[in-house]
Amino acid sequence: LKAALCTQVMLDGLMHEFHTGTMGSKTTVLQLLLNVHGKYPQERGIAVNLRDSVLHLLKTAPWTTRNLCLKVFCVVYREVEDLAYFAHNGLIEAIFWVIDAKDIELQEAPLVALLHLCEHPQLPFNLIRRGVLRYMVKLLRAHDNVIQQLSLVLLKLFYLYNEEAVMK
């Protein structure tokens, strides 16, 4: 059924709605793309078409939409080139903004996005240089066990890349 939704006419309509519609329209399209991920052959083309728009929303939208964009990033953008593209075009700062803007207990999407970025072999060094460690230490104080564990996993990962920086 999901694949049947993704006809070219439907995808063209979704792209038109995303690029010309309201914030609510953009959010609906992003949620739909999450739901049909991996179910249609044009997905890579759609993902590349939306990359800059998703980045724009990550920098300018309300935090709920930014959080959704982080989920889209983790699910739809799986290629190493996407990881580098997003990291070099503002994603890291957007993740830090979401962490600062949200309650400490509501950090799953930013932490998973950081973990996803670490799939690229050079990005952990970049994250450390940009100050990710202070966010990980902050999030270790969360009461939510998932947040604590994700923060700990990321700290261990960063330790493998730069033991000295983590130990400071």
Protein backbone atom coordinates (compact mmCIF):
# COMPACT_ATOMS: atom_id res chain seq x y z
CA LEU A 1 0.00 0.00 0.00
CA LYS A 2 2.79 2.43 0.88
CA ALA A 3 4.52 1.86 -2.44
CA ALA A 4 1.22 2.39 -4.26
CA LEU A 5 0.97 5.86 -2.69
CA CYS A 6 4.24 6.89 -4.28
CA THR A 7 3.22 7.36 -7.89
CA GLN A 8 5.06 10.04 -9.82
CA VAL A 9 1.97 12.26 -9.80
CA MET A 10 1.67 11.91 -6.03
CA LEU A 11 5.38 12.61 -5.49
CA ASP A 12 5.23 15.66 -7.78
CA GLY A 13 2.26 16.94 -5.77
CA LEU A 14 4.09 16.36 -2.50
CA MET A 15 7.15 18.25 -3.73
CA HIS A 16 4.98 21.13 -4.93
CA GLU A 17 3.20 21.23 -1.58
CA PHE A 18 6.49 21.07 0.31
CA HIS A 19 8.09 23.88 -1.66
CA THR A 20 5.03 26.19 -1.80
CA GLY A 21 2.89 25.19 1.16
CA THR A 22 2.65 26.25 4.77
CA MET A 23 4.77 24.94 7.64
CA GLY A 24 1.98 22.46 8.34
CA SER A 25 2.19 21.22 4.75
CA LYS A 26 5.96 20.82 5.00
CA THR A 27 5.57 18.87 8.25
CA THR A 28 2.94 16.59 6.70
CA VAL A 29 5.17 15.87 3.70
CA LEU A 30 8.14 15.08 5.95
CA GLN A 31 6.03 12.73 8.07
CA LEU A 32 4.77 11.00 4.94
CA LEU A 33 8.32 10.57 3.65
CA LEU A 34 9.27 8.91 6.94
CA ASN A 35 6.32 6.55 6.62
CA VAL A 36 7.09 5.50 3.04
CA HIS A 37 10.87 5.28 3.45
CA GLY A 38 12.35 2.46 1.44
CA LYS A 39 9.11 1.73 -0.40
CA TYR A 40 9.58 3.54 -3.72
CA PRO A 41 12.36 3.74 -6.31
CA GLN A 42 12.42 7.55 -6.61
CA GLU A 43 13.36 8.02 -2.94
CA ARG A 44 16.98 9.00 -3.54
CA GLY A 45 15.98 11.68 -6.03
CA ILE A 46 13.37 13.06 -3.67
CA ALA A 47 15.87 13.04 -0.80
CA VAL A 48 18.46 14.97 -2.80
CA ASN A 49 15.78 17.40 -4.01
CA LEU A 50 14.77 18.14 -0.41
CA ARG A 51 18.24 18.26 1.17
CA ASP A 52 18.66 22.04 1.18
CA SER A 53 15.06 22.59 2.25
CA VAL A 54 15.45 20.19 5.17
CA LEU A 55 18.64 22.04 6.15
CA HIS A 56 16.78 25.34 5.96
CA LEU A 57 14.03 24.03 8.23
CA LEU A 58 16.65 22.70 10.64
CA LYS A 59 17.98 26.24 10.99
CA THR A 60 14.75 28.27 11.00
CA ALA A 61 11.67 26.23 11.93
CA PRO A 62 10.13 25.83 15.41
CA TRP A 63 11.84 23.14 17.48
CA THR A 64 9.11 20.58 16.86
CA THR A 65 9.72 20.79 13.11
CA ARG A 66 13.49 20.79 13.66
CA ASN A 67 13.08 17.63 15.71
CA LEU A 68 11.10 16.05 12.86
CA CYS A 69 13.81 17.11 10.40
CA LEU A 70 16.40 15.35 12.58
CA LYS A 71 14.32 12.18 12.34
CA VAL A 72 14.08 12.59 8.56
CA PHE A 73 17.85 13.07 8.43
CA CYS A 74 18.44 9.83 10.36
CA VAL A 75 15.99 7.73 8.34
CA VAL A 76 16.11 9.11 4.80
CA TYR A 77 19.70 10.36 4.47
CA ARG A 78 21.80 7.20 4.75
CA GLU A 79 24.58 7.87 2.23
CA VAL A 80 28.03 8.96 3.48
CA GLU A 81 27.89 11.92 1.08
CA ASP A 82 24.65 13.06 2.76
CA LEU A 83 26.26 12.92 6.19
CA ALA A 84 29.13 15.12 5.03
CA TYR A 85 26.81 17.48 3.15
CA PHE A 86 24.55 18.02 6.14
CA ALA A 87 27.46 18.37 8.59
CA HIS A 88 29.22 20.95 6.44
CA ASN A 89 26.04 22.95 5.83
CA GLY A 90 24.78 23.65 9.33
CA LEU A 91 23.42 20.40 10.76
CA ILE A 92 25.83 20.30 13.70
CA GLU A 93 24.87 23.79 14.84
CA ALA A 94 21.20 22.93 14.33
CA ILE A 95 21.57 19.86 16.55
CA PHE A 96 23.23 21.96 19.26
CA TRP A 97 20.38 24.49 18.97
CA VAL A 98 17.76 21.77 19.45
CA ILE A 99 19.63 20.42 22.49
CA ASP A 100 19.78 23.91 24.00
CA ALA A 101 16.13 24.67 23.16
CA LYS A 102 14.57 21.53 24.56
CA ASP A 103 14.23 20.03 28.00
CA ILE A 104 17.04 17.66 28.88
CA GLU A 105 14.58 14.75 28.86
CA LEU A 106 13.53 15.34 25.22
CA GLN A 107 16.80 14.68 23.43
CA GLU A 108 16.42 11.35 21.62
CA ALA A 109 16.34 12.76 18.08
CA PRO A 110 19.39 15.03 18.48
CA LEU A 111 21.40 12.22 20.09
CA VAL A 112 20.46 9.72 17.41
CA ALA A 113 21.36 12.34 14.77
CA LEU A 114 24.80 12.76 16.38
CA LEU A 115 25.24 9.00 16.42
CA HIS A 116 24.18 8.88 12.76
CA LEU A 117 26.77 11.54 11.86
CA CYS A 118 29.44 9.37 13.47
CA GLU A 119 28.91 6.80 10.72
CA HIS A 120 31.12 9.09 8.62
CA PRO A 121 34.77 8.40 9.52
CA GLN A 122 35.83 12.07 9.72
CA LEU A 123 32.82 13.61 11.41
CA PRO A 124 33.54 12.52 15.01
CA PHE A 125 36.70 14.66 14.90
CA ASN A 126 34.67 17.55 13.51
CA LEU A 127 32.04 17.15 16.24
CA ILE A 128 34.69 17.17 18.97
CA ARG A 129 36.25 20.33 17.52
CA ARG A 130 32.85 22.01 17.51
CA GLY A 131 32.19 21.32 21.18
CA VAL A 132 29.96 18.25 21.23
CA LEU A 133 31.56 16.95 24.43
CA ARG A 134 30.02 19.64 26.63
CA TYR A 135 26.58 18.63 25.34
CA MET A 136 27.24 14.97 26.10
CA VAL A 137 28.30 15.78 29.67
CA LYS A 138 25.20 17.93 30.12
CA LEU A 139 22.94 15.15 28.87
CA LEU A 140 24.47 12.58 31.21
CA ARG A 141 22.51 14.38 33.95
CA ALA A 142 19.17 13.47 32.38
CA HIS A 143 16.80 11.35 34.42
CA ASP A 144 15.69 9.49 31.31
CA ASN A 145 17.72 6.29 31.02
CA VAL A 146 17.65 6.34 27.20
CA ILE A 147 19.14 9.85 27.13
CA GLN A 148 21.84 8.86 29.62
CA GLN A 149 22.73 5.70 27.70
CA LEU A 150 22.86 7.44 24.31
CA SER A 151 25.07 10.16 25.79
CA LEU A 152 27.35 7.55 27.30
CA VAL A 153 27.60 5.63 24.02
CA LEU A 154 28.52 8.84 22.22
CA LEU A 155 31.11 9.75 24.85
CA LYS A 156 32.68 6.30 24.48
CA LEU A 157 32.71 6.72 20.72
CA PHE A 158 34.36 10.15 20.98
CA TYR A 159 36.87 8.67 23.44
CA LEU A 160 38.00 6.29 20.69
CA TYR A 161 38.64 9.25 18.41
CA ASN A 162 40.19 11.65 20.92
CA GLU A 163 40.87 10.25 24.39
CA GLU A 164 42.56 13.44 25.60
CA ALA A 165 39.61 15.70 24.73
CA VAL A 166 37.11 13.40 26.45
CA MET A 167 39.21 13.09 29.59
CA LYS A 168 39.35 16.89 30.05
